[in-house]
Amino acid sequence: MTLDEFDAALAALGWKVADFCRMTGLHRNTPSRWRTEGVEIPAWVPQHLGLLLDVKRLHAVAQVPTTDKAAGWLAQDLQRLHAAYLEPPTHD
């Protein structure tokens, strides 16, 4: 995950860096180290933010879709969830 992706994910959630730190138990200086010291963002961060964004999108469309756009999002989310959790993994 890049810093731009991190910032975009927080913005999409409506969070500040302080909110992220509070919710994850990270020290408030940790994201600053990612930004200023070039410390790599841990692999769990994009996974965690991705799940939160998925929940937010699912919540937004959990009601009966009122627009074509919302119906499209619901269909995409259901397809992705089906592929992730209901289809057996393929072994290449």
PDB file of N, CA and C in Angstrom:
ATOM      1  N   MET A   1       0.850  -1.171   0.000  1.00  0.00           N
ATOM      2  CA  MET A   1       0.000   0.000   0.000  1.00  0.00           C
ATOM      3  C   MET A   1       0.893   1.230   0.000  1.00  0.00           C
ATOM      4  N   THR A   2       0.550   2.164  -0.862  1.00  0.00           N
ATOM      5  CA  THR A   2       1.290   3.417  -0.899  1.00  0.00           C
ATOM      6  C   THR A   2       0.667   4.404   0.086  1.00  0.00           C
ATOM      7  N   LEU A   3       1.386   5.472   0.343  1.00  0.00           N
ATOM      8  CA  LEU A   3       0.850   6.505   1.236  1.00  0.00           C
ATOM      9  C   LEU A   3      -0.380   7.167   0.629  1.00  0.00           C
ATOM     10  N   ASP A   4      -0.392   7.344  -0.686  1.00  0.00           N
ATOM     11  CA  ASP A   4      -1.567   7.924  -1.341  1.00  0.00           C
ATOM     12  C   ASP A   4      -2.788   7.014  -1.182  1.00  0.00           C
ATOM     13  N   GLU A   5      -2.573   5.700  -1.304  1.00  0.00           N
ATOM     14  CA  GLU A   5      -3.676   4.752  -1.115  1.00  0.00           C
ATOM     15  C   GLU A   5      -4.157   4.763   0.333  1.00  0.00           C
ATOM     16  N   PHE A   6      -3.219   4.857   1.271  1.00  0.00           N
ATOM     17  CA  PHE A   6      -3.567   4.940   2.689  1.00  0.00           C
ATOM     18  C   PHE A   6      -4.418   6.173   2.947  1.00  0.00           C
ATOM     19  N   ASP A   7      -3.955   7.313   2.434  1.00  0.00           N
ATOM     20  CA  ASP A   7      -4.701   8.564   2.621  1.00  0.00           C
ATOM     21  C   ASP A   7      -6.089   8.486   1.981  1.00  0.00           C
ATOM     22  N   ALA A   8      -6.167   7.888   0.794  1.00  0.00           N
ATOM     23  CA  ALA A   8      -7.451   7.765   0.095  1.00  0.00           C
ATOM     24  C   ALA A   8      -8.417   6.868   0.872  1.00  0.00           C
ATOM     25  N   ALA A   9      -7.904   5.777   1.431  1.00  0.00           N
ATOM     26  CA  ALA A   9      -8.755   4.869   2.204  1.00  0.00           C
ATOM     27  C   ALA A   9      -9.290   5.569   3.450  1.00  0.00           C
ATOM     28  N   LEU A  10      -8.424   6.311   4.136  1.00  0.00           N
ATOM     29  CA  LEU A  10      -8.888   7.050   5.317  1.00  0.00           C
ATOM     30  C   LEU A  10      -9.933   8.082   4.928  1.00  0.00           C
ATOM     31  N   ALA A  11      -9.700   8.789   3.825  1.00  0.00           N
ATOM     32  CA  ALA A  11     -10.668   9.791   3.371  1.00  0.00           C
ATOM     33  C   ALA A  11     -12.012   9.142   3.038  1.00  0.00           C
ATOM     34  N   ALA A  12     -11.972   7.983   2.388  1.00  0.00           N
ATOM     35  CA  ALA A  12     -13.210   7.282   2.033  1.00  0.00           C
ATOM     36  C   ALA A  12     -13.986   6.842   3.278  1.00  0.00           C
ATOM     37  N   LEU A  13     -13.251   6.551   4.342  1.00  0.00           N
ATOM     38  CA  LEU A  13     -13.896   6.167   5.605  1.00  0.00           C
ATOM     39  C   LEU A  13     -14.325   7.384   6.426  1.00  0.00           C
ATOM     40  N   GLY A  14     -13.825   8.555   6.043  1.00  0.00           N
ATOM     41  CA  GLY A  14     -14.105   9.753   6.815  1.00  0.00           C
ATOM     42  C   GLY A  14     -13.281   9.813   8.089  1.00  0.00           C
ATOM     43  N   TRP A  15     -12.103   9.187   8.055  1.00  0.00           N
ATOM     44  CA  TRP A  15     -11.229   9.111   9.222  1.00  0.00           C
ATOM     45  C   TRP A  15     -10.029  10.021   9.060  1.00  0.00           C
ATOM     46  N   LYS A  16      -9.483  10.429  10.185  1.00  0.00           N
ATOM     47  CA  LYS A  16      -8.186  11.083  10.245  1.00  0.00           C
ATOM     48  C   LYS A  16      -7.182  10.019  10.677  1.00  0.00           C
ATOM     49  N   VAL A  17      -5.900  10.331  10.551  1.00  0.00           N
ATOM     50  CA  VAL A  17      -4.868   9.389  10.979  1.00  0.00           C
ATOM     51  C   VAL A  17      -5.041   9.054  12.461  1.00  0.00           C
ATOM     52  N   ALA A  18      -5.413  10.051  13.259  1.00  0.00           N
ATOM     53  CA  ALA A  18      -5.624   9.811  14.690  1.00  0.00           C
ATOM     54  C   ALA A  18      -6.741   8.791  14.919  1.00  0.00           C
ATOM     55  N   ASP A  19      -7.786   8.840  14.103  1.00  0.00           N
ATOM     56  CA  ASP A  19      -8.876   7.858  14.221  1.00  0.00           C
ATOM     57  C   ASP A  19      -8.367   6.453  13.919  1.00  0.00           C
ATOM     58  N   PHE A  20      -7.571   6.339  12.860  1.00  0.00           N
ATOM     59  CA  PHE A  20      -7.000   5.041  12.484  1.00  0.00           C
ATOM     60  C   PHE A  20      -6.155   4.487  13.628  1.00  0.00           C
ATOM     61  N   CYS A  21      -5.315   5.329  14.195  1.00  0.00           N
ATOM     62  CA  CYS A  21      -4.453   4.877  15.297  1.00  0.00           C
ATOM     63  C   CYS A  21      -5.281   4.445  16.498  1.00  0.00           C
ATOM     64  N   ARG A  22      -6.291   5.206  16.824  1.00  0.00           N
ATOM     65  CA  ARG A  22      -7.141   4.880  17.972  1.00  0.00           C
ATOM     66  C   ARG A  22      -7.863   3.552  17.740  1.00  0.00           C
ATOM     67  N   MET A  23      -8.372   3.350  16.537  1.00  0.00           N
ATOM     68  CA  MET A  23      -9.143   2.141  16.237  1.00  0.00           C
ATOM     69  C   MET A  23      -8.267   0.889  16.124  1.00  0.00           C
ATOM     70  N   THR A  24      -7.005   1.062  15.790  1.00  0.00           N
ATOM     71  CA  THR A  24      -6.126  -0.099  15.598  1.00  0.00           C
ATOM     72  C   THR A  24      -5.147  -0.301  16.745  1.00  0.00           C
ATOM     73  N   GLY A  25      -5.073   0.661  17.658  1.00  0.00           N
ATOM     74  CA  GLY A  25      -4.154   0.539  18.780  1.00  0.00           C
ATOM     75  C   GLY A  25      -2.717   0.909  18.445  1.00  0.00           C
ATOM     76  N   LEU A  26      -2.510   1.500  17.276  1.00  0.00           N
ATOM     77  CA  LEU A  26      -1.160   1.932  16.910  1.00  0.00           C
ATOM     78  C   LEU A  26      -0.793   3.214  17.655  1.00  0.00           C
ATOM     79  N   HIS A  27       0.477   3.378  17.907  1.00  0.00           N
ATOM     80  CA  HIS A  27       0.950   4.638  18.477  1.00  0.00           C
ATOM     81  C   HIS A  27       0.742   5.729  17.433  1.00  0.00           C
ATOM     82  N   ARG A  28       0.412   6.910  17.882  1.00  0.00           N
ATOM     83  CA  ARG A  28       0.077   8.003  16.956  1.00  0.00           C
ATOM     84  C   ARG A  28       1.229   8.391  16.043  1.00  0.00           C
ATOM     85  N   ASN A  29       2.455   8.051  16.406  1.00  0.00           N
ATOM     86  CA  ASN A  29       3.604   8.390  15.564  1.00  0.00           C
ATOM     87  C   ASN A  29       3.895   7.356  14.477  1.00  0.00           C
ATOM     88  N   THR A  30       3.283   6.201  14.560  1.00  0.00           N
ATOM     89  CA  THR A  30       3.588   5.134  13.599  1.00  0.00           C
ATOM     90  C   THR A  30       3.295   5.545  12.154  1.00  0.00           C
ATOM     91  N   PRO A  31       2.108   6.056  11.835  1.00  0.00           N
ATOM     92  CA  PRO A  31       1.885   6.472  10.440  1.00  0.00           C
ATOM     93  C   PRO A  31       2.819   7.598   9.998  1.00  0.00           C
ATOM     94  N   SER A  32       3.246   8.439  10.931  1.00  0.00           N
ATOM     95  CA  SER A  32       4.216   9.491  10.585  1.00  0.00           C
ATOM     96  C   SER A  32       5.536   8.874  10.160  1.00  0.00           C
ATOM     97  N   ARG A  33       5.909   7.767  10.797  1.00  0.00           N
ATOM     98  CA  ARG A  33       7.148   7.070  10.421  1.00  0.00           C
ATOM     99  C   ARG A  33       7.027   6.483   9.019  1.00  0.00           C
ATOM    100  N   TRP A  34       5.839   6.012   8.659  1.00  0.00           N
ATOM    101  CA  TRP A  34       5.638   5.507   7.309  1.00  0.00           C
ATOM    102  C   TRP A  34       5.881   6.630   6.306  1.00  0.00           C
ATOM    103  N   ARG A  35       5.426   7.813   6.662  1.00  0.00           N
ATOM    104  CA  ARG A  35       5.485   8.955   5.755  1.00  0.00           C
ATOM    105  C   ARG A  35       6.878   9.586   5.703  1.00  0.00           C
ATOM    106  N   THR A  36       7.494   9.797   6.849  1.00  0.00           N
ATOM    107  CA  THR A  36       8.737  10.578   6.890  1.00  0.00           C
ATOM    108  C   THR A  36      10.004   9.741   6.908  1.00  0.00           C
ATOM    109  N   GLU A  37       9.922   8.533   7.444  1.00  0.00           N
ATOM    110  CA  GLU A  37      11.129   7.707   7.560  1.00  0.00           C
ATOM    111  C   GLU A  37      11.187   6.584   6.530  1.00  0.00           C
ATOM    112  N   GLY A  38      10.152   6.496   5.704  1.00  0.00           N
ATOM    113  CA  GLY A  38      10.144   5.454   4.686  1.00  0.00           C
ATOM    114  C   GLY A  38       9.903   4.059   5.225  1.00  0.00           C
ATOM    115  N   VAL A  39       9.391   3.975   6.453  1.00  0.00           N
ATOM    116  CA  VAL A  39       9.064   2.659   7.025  1.00  0.00           C
ATOM    117  C   VAL A  39       7.899   2.085   6.223  1.00  0.00           C
ATOM    118  N   GLU A  40       8.024   0.834   5.844  1.00  0.00           N
ATOM    119  CA  GLU A  40       6.995   0.190   5.022  1.00  0.00           C
ATOM    120  C   GLU A  40       5.693   0.026   5.800  1.00  0.00           C
ATOM    121  N   ILE A  41       4.593   0.279   5.131  1.00  0.00           N
ATOM    122  CA  ILE A  41       3.277   0.066   5.729  1.00  0.00           C
ATOM    123  C   ILE A  41       3.067  -1.442   5.834  1.00  0.00           C
ATOM    124  N   PRO A  42       2.735  -1.958   7.026  1.00  0.00           N
ATOM    125  CA  PRO A  42       2.559  -3.409   7.193  1.00  0.00           C
ATOM    126  C   PRO A  42       1.447  -3.966   6.295  1.00  0.00           C
ATOM    127  N   ALA A  43       1.583  -5.225   5.937  1.00  0.00           N
ATOM    128  CA  ALA A  43       0.628  -5.877   5.030  1.00  0.00           C
ATOM    129  C   ALA A  43      -0.784  -5.919   5.589  1.00  0.00           C
ATOM    130  N   TRP A  44      -0.939  -5.918   6.904  1.00  0.00           N
ATOM    131  CA  TRP A  44      -2.278  -6.009   7.474  1.00  0.00           C
ATOM    132  C   TRP A  44      -3.066  -4.709   7.286  1.00  0.00           C
ATOM    133  N   VAL A  45      -2.377  -3.586   7.077  1.00  0.00           N
ATOM    134  CA  VAL A  45      -3.068  -2.292   6.980  1.00  0.00           C
ATOM    135  C   VAL A  45      -3.994  -2.235   5.767  1.00  0.00           C
ATOM    136  N   PRO A  46      -3.532  -2.549   4.543  1.00  0.00           N
ATOM    137  CA  PRO A  46      -4.472  -2.517   3.423  1.00  0.00           C
ATOM    138  C   PRO A  46      -5.578  -3.557   3.554  1.00  0.00           C
ATOM    139  N   GLN A  47      -5.269  -4.691   4.154  1.00  0.00           N
ATOM    140  CA  GLN A  47      -6.317  -5.697   4.357  1.00  0.00           C
ATOM    141  C   GLN A  47      -7.381  -5.169   5.315  1.00  0.00           C
ATOM    142  N   HIS A  48      -6.943  -4.562   6.405  1.00  0.00           N
ATOM    143  CA  HIS A  48      -7.861  -4.019   7.407  1.00  0.00           C
ATOM    144  C   HIS A  48      -8.718  -2.900   6.803  1.00  0.00           C
ATOM    145  N   LEU A  49      -8.064  -1.967   6.127  1.00  0.00           N
ATOM    146  CA  LEU A  49      -8.800  -0.855   5.523  1.00  0.00           C
ATOM    147  C   LEU A  49      -9.729  -1.359   4.419  1.00  0.00           C
ATOM    148  N   GLY A  50      -9.274  -2.345   3.652  1.00  0.00           N
ATOM    149  CA  GLY A  50     -10.120  -2.915   2.605  1.00  0.00           C
ATOM    150  C   GLY A  50     -11.388  -3.532   3.165  1.00  0.00           C
ATOM    151  N   LEU A  51     -11.259  -4.246   4.273  1.00  0.00           N
ATOM    152  CA  LEU A  51     -12.446  -4.827   4.910  1.00  0.00           C
ATOM    153  C   LEU A  51     -13.392  -3.745   5.422  1.00  0.00           C
ATOM    154  N   LEU A  52     -12.824  -2.705   6.021  1.00  0.00           N
ATOM    155  CA  LEU A  52     -13.667  -1.609   6.503  1.00  0.00           C
ATOM    156  C   LEU A  52     -14.398  -0.916   5.354  1.00  0.00           C
ATOM    157  N   LEU A  53     -13.701  -0.725   4.244  1.00  0.00           N
ATOM    158  CA  LEU A  53     -14.344  -0.111   3.080  1.00  0.00           C
ATOM    159  C   LEU A  53     -15.418  -1.022   2.495  1.00  0.00           C
ATOM    160  N   ASP A  54     -15.159  -2.332   2.490  1.00  0.00           N
ATOM    161  CA  ASP A  54     -16.179  -3.284   2.038  1.00  0.00           C
ATOM    162  C   ASP A  54     -17.426  -3.200   2.912  1.00  0.00           C
ATOM    163  N   VAL A  55     -17.237  -3.161   4.208  1.00  0.00           N
ATOM    164  CA  VAL A  55     -18.376  -3.068   5.130  1.00  0.00           C
ATOM    165  C   VAL A  55     -19.143  -1.773   4.884  1.00  0.00           C
ATOM    166  N   LYS A  56     -18.412  -0.682   4.690  1.00  0.00           N
ATOM    167  CA  LYS A  56     -19.076   0.601   4.443  1.00  0.00           C
ATOM    168  C   LYS A  56     -19.900   0.552   3.160  1.00  0.00           C
ATOM    169  N   ARG A  57     -19.316  -0.030   2.103  1.00  0.00           N
ATOM    170  CA  ARG A  57     -20.064  -0.130   0.839  1.00  0.00           C
ATOM    171  C   ARG A  57     -21.275  -1.042   0.976  1.00  0.00           C
ATOM    172  N   LEU A  58     -21.104  -2.170   1.652  1.00  0.00           N
ATOM    173  CA  LEU A  58     -22.231  -3.085   1.832  1.00  0.00           C
ATOM    174  C   LEU A  58     -23.336  -2.435   2.651  1.00  0.00           C
ATOM    175  N   HIS A  59     -22.956  -1.688   3.654  1.00  0.00           N
ATOM    176  CA  HIS A  59     -23.941  -0.991   4.465  1.00  0.00           C
ATOM    177  C   HIS A  59     -24.704   0.021   3.619  1.00  0.00           C
ATOM    178  N   ALA A  60     -23.984   0.706   2.743  1.00  0.00           N
ATOM    179  CA  ALA A  60     -24.608   1.730   1.911  1.00  0.00           C
ATOM    180  C   ALA A  60     -25.631   1.148   0.945  1.00  0.00           C
ATOM    181  N   VAL A  61     -25.411  -0.089   0.522  1.00  0.00           N
ATOM    182  CA  VAL A  61     -26.334  -0.678  -0.453  1.00  0.00           C
ATOM    183  C   VAL A  61     -27.180  -1.793   0.143  1.00  0.00           C
ATOM    184  N   ALA A  62     -27.131  -1.969   1.449  1.00  0.00           N
ATOM    185  CA  ALA A  62     -27.875  -3.062   2.078  1.00  0.00           C
ATOM    186  C   ALA A  62     -29.378  -2.844   1.960  1.00  0.00           C
ATOM    187  N   GLN A  63     -29.769  -1.617   1.861  1.00  0.00           N
ATOM    188  CA  GLN A  63     -31.186  -1.329   1.674  1.00  0.00           C
ATOM    189  C   GLN A  63     -31.530  -1.577   0.211  1.00  0.00           C
ATOM    190  N   VAL A  64     -32.791  -1.561  -0.096  1.00  0.00           N
ATOM    191  CA  VAL A  64     -33.203  -1.757  -1.485  1.00  0.00           C
ATOM    192  C   VAL A  64     -32.559  -0.661  -2.323  1.00  0.00           C
ATOM    193  N   PRO A  65     -31.794  -1.037  -3.341  1.00  0.00           N
ATOM    194  CA  PRO A  65     -31.134  -0.023  -4.162  1.00  0.00           C
ATOM    195  C   PRO A  65     -32.147   0.947  -4.767  1.00  0.00           C
ATOM    196  N   THR A  66     -31.850   2.201  -4.604  1.00  0.00           N
ATOM    197  CA  THR A  66     -32.751   3.234  -5.112  1.00  0.00           C
ATOM    198  C   THR A  66     -32.275   3.837  -6.422  1.00  0.00           C
ATOM    199  N   THR A  67     -31.063   3.505  -6.823  1.00  0.00           N
ATOM    200  CA  THR A  67     -30.541   4.008  -8.097  1.00  0.00           C
ATOM    201  C   THR A  67     -29.868   2.860  -8.834  1.00  0.00           C
ATOM    202  N   ASP A  68     -29.687   3.051 -10.124  1.00  0.00           N
ATOM    203  CA  ASP A  68     -28.975   2.045 -10.919  1.00  0.00           C
ATOM    204  C   ASP A  68     -27.539   1.888 -10.432  1.00  0.00           C
ATOM    205  N   LYS A  69     -26.933   2.993 -10.007  1.00  0.00           N
ATOM    206  CA  LYS A  69     -25.551   2.945  -9.524  1.00  0.00           C
ATOM    207  C   LYS A  69     -25.462   2.081  -8.266  1.00  0.00           C
ATOM    208  N   ALA A  70     -26.377   2.271  -7.329  1.00  0.00           N
ATOM    209  CA  ALA A  70     -26.384   1.479  -6.094  1.00  0.00           C
ATOM    210  C   ALA A  70     -26.637   0.009  -6.402  1.00  0.00           C
ATOM    211  N   ALA A  71     -27.527  -0.258  -7.331  1.00  0.00           N
ATOM    212  CA  ALA A  71     -27.803  -1.647  -7.713  1.00  0.00           C
ATOM    213  C   ALA A  71     -26.555  -2.291  -8.323  1.00  0.00           C
ATOM    214  N   GLY A  72     -25.807  -1.527  -9.106  1.00  0.00           N
ATOM    215  CA  GLY A  72     -24.564  -2.033  -9.691  1.00  0.00           C
ATOM    216  C   GLY A  72     -23.524  -2.343  -8.626  1.00  0.00           C
ATOM    217  N   TRP A  73     -23.409  -1.460  -7.638  1.00  0.00           N
ATOM    218  CA  TRP A  73     -22.471  -1.695  -6.542  1.00  0.00           C
ATOM    219  C   TRP A  73     -22.846  -2.960  -5.787  1.00  0.00           C
ATOM    220  N   LEU A  74     -24.135  -3.125  -5.517  1.00  0.00           N
ATOM    221  CA  LEU A  74     -24.591  -4.307  -4.792  1.00  0.00           C
ATOM    222  C   LEU A  74     -24.249  -5.571  -5.578  1.00  0.00           C
ATOM    223  N   ALA A  75     -24.500  -5.551  -6.875  1.00  0.00           N
ATOM    224  CA  ALA A  75     -24.196  -6.716  -7.700  1.00  0.00           C
ATOM    225  C   ALA A  75     -22.694  -7.014  -7.689  1.00  0.00           C
ATOM    226  N   GLN A  76     -21.860  -5.978  -7.802  1.00  0.00           N
ATOM    227  CA  GLN A  76     -20.408  -6.181  -7.764  1.00  0.00           C
ATOM    228  C   GLN A  76     -19.970  -6.746  -6.418  1.00  0.00           C
ATOM    229  N   ASP A  77     -20.503  -6.184  -5.349  1.00  0.00           N
ATOM    230  CA  ASP A  77     -20.125  -6.645  -4.017  1.00  0.00           C
ATOM    231  C   ASP A  77     -20.539  -8.092  -3.792  1.00  0.00           C
ATOM    232  N   LEU A  78     -21.729  -8.437  -4.218  1.00  0.00           N
ATOM    233  CA  LEU A  78     -22.194  -9.806  -4.041  1.00  0.00           C
ATOM    234  C   LEU A  78     -21.353 -10.786  -4.859  1.00  0.00           C
ATOM    235  N   GLN A  79     -20.982 -10.414  -6.076  1.00  0.00           N
ATOM    236  CA  GLN A  79     -20.133 -11.272  -6.898  1.00  0.00           C
ATOM    237  C   GLN A  79     -18.769 -11.459  -6.248  1.00  0.00           C
ATOM    238  N   ARG A  80     -18.201 -10.364  -5.740  1.00  0.00           N
ATOM    239  CA  ARG A  80     -16.874 -10.446  -5.123  1.00  0.00           C
ATOM    240  C   ARG A  80     -16.927 -11.283  -3.849  1.00  0.00           C
ATOM    241  N   LEU A  81     -17.958 -11.090  -3.047  1.00  0.00           N
ATOM    242  CA  LEU A  81     -18.087 -11.873  -1.819  1.00  0.00           C
ATOM    243  C   LEU A  81     -18.314 -13.341  -2.134  1.00  0.00           C
ATOM    244  N   HIS A  82     -19.114 -13.610  -3.163  1.00  0.00           N
ATOM    245  CA  HIS A  82     -19.357 -14.990  -3.565  1.00  0.00           C
ATOM    246  C   HIS A  82     -18.046 -15.649  -3.977  1.00  0.00           C
ATOM    247  N   ALA A  83     -17.258 -14.939  -4.784  1.00  0.00           N
ATOM    248  CA  ALA A  83     -15.985 -15.498  -5.242  1.00  0.00           C
ATOM    249  C   ALA A  83     -15.017 -15.697  -4.079  1.00  0.00           C
ATOM    250  N   ALA A  84     -15.041 -14.783  -3.120  1.00  0.00           N
ATOM    251  CA  ALA A  84     -14.085 -14.853  -2.011  1.00  0.00           C
ATOM    252  C   ALA A  84     -14.445 -15.923  -0.989  1.00  0.00           C
ATOM    253  N   TYR A  85     -15.728 -16.152  -0.777  1.00  0.00           N
ATOM    254  CA  TYR A  85     -16.118 -17.007   0.341  1.00  0.00           C
ATOM    255  C   TYR A  85     -16.886 -18.271  -0.043  1.00  0.00           C
ATOM    256  N   LEU A  86     -17.467 -18.314  -1.218  1.00  0.00           N
ATOM    257  CA  LEU A  86     -18.316 -19.452  -1.545  1.00  0.00           C
ATOM    258  C   LEU A  86     -17.755 -20.351  -2.642  1.00  0.00           C
ATOM    259  N   GLU A  87     -16.794 -19.868  -3.396  1.00  0.00           N
ATOM    260  CA  GLU A  87     -16.193 -20.701  -4.426  1.00  0.00           C
ATOM    261  C   GLU A  87     -14.931 -21.346  -3.873  1.00  0.00           C
ATOM    262  N   PRO A  88     -14.750 -22.633  -4.120  1.00  0.00           N
ATOM    263  CA  PRO A  88     -13.538 -23.281  -3.633  1.00  0.00           C
ATOM    264  C   PRO A  88     -12.318 -22.699  -4.317  1.00  0.00           C
ATOM    265  N   PRO A  89     -11.202 -22.616  -3.601  1.00  0.00           N
ATOM    266  CA  PRO A  89      -9.985 -22.078  -4.226  1.00  0.00           C
ATOM    267  C   PRO A  89      -9.483 -22.996  -5.324  1.00  0.00           C
ATOM    268  N   THR A  90      -8.904 -22.390  -6.334  1.00  0.00           N
ATOM    269  CA  THR A  90      -8.307 -23.175  -7.412  1.00  0.00           C
ATOM    270  C   THR A  90      -6.843 -23.368  -7.123  1.00  0.00           C
ATOM    271  N   HIS A  91      -6.347 -24.532  -7.435  1.00  0.00           N
ATOM    272  CA  HIS A  91      -4.938 -24.855  -7.208  1.00  0.00           C
ATOM    273  C   HIS A  91      -4.261 -24.939  -8.555  1.00  0.00           C
ATOM    274  N   ASP A  92      -3.367 -24.000  -8.810  1.00  0.00           N
ATOM    275  CA  ASP A  92      -2.658 -23.977 -10.101  1.00  0.00           C
ATOM    276  C   ASP A  92      -1.416 -24.826 -10.052  1.00  0.00           C
TER     277      ASP A  92
END
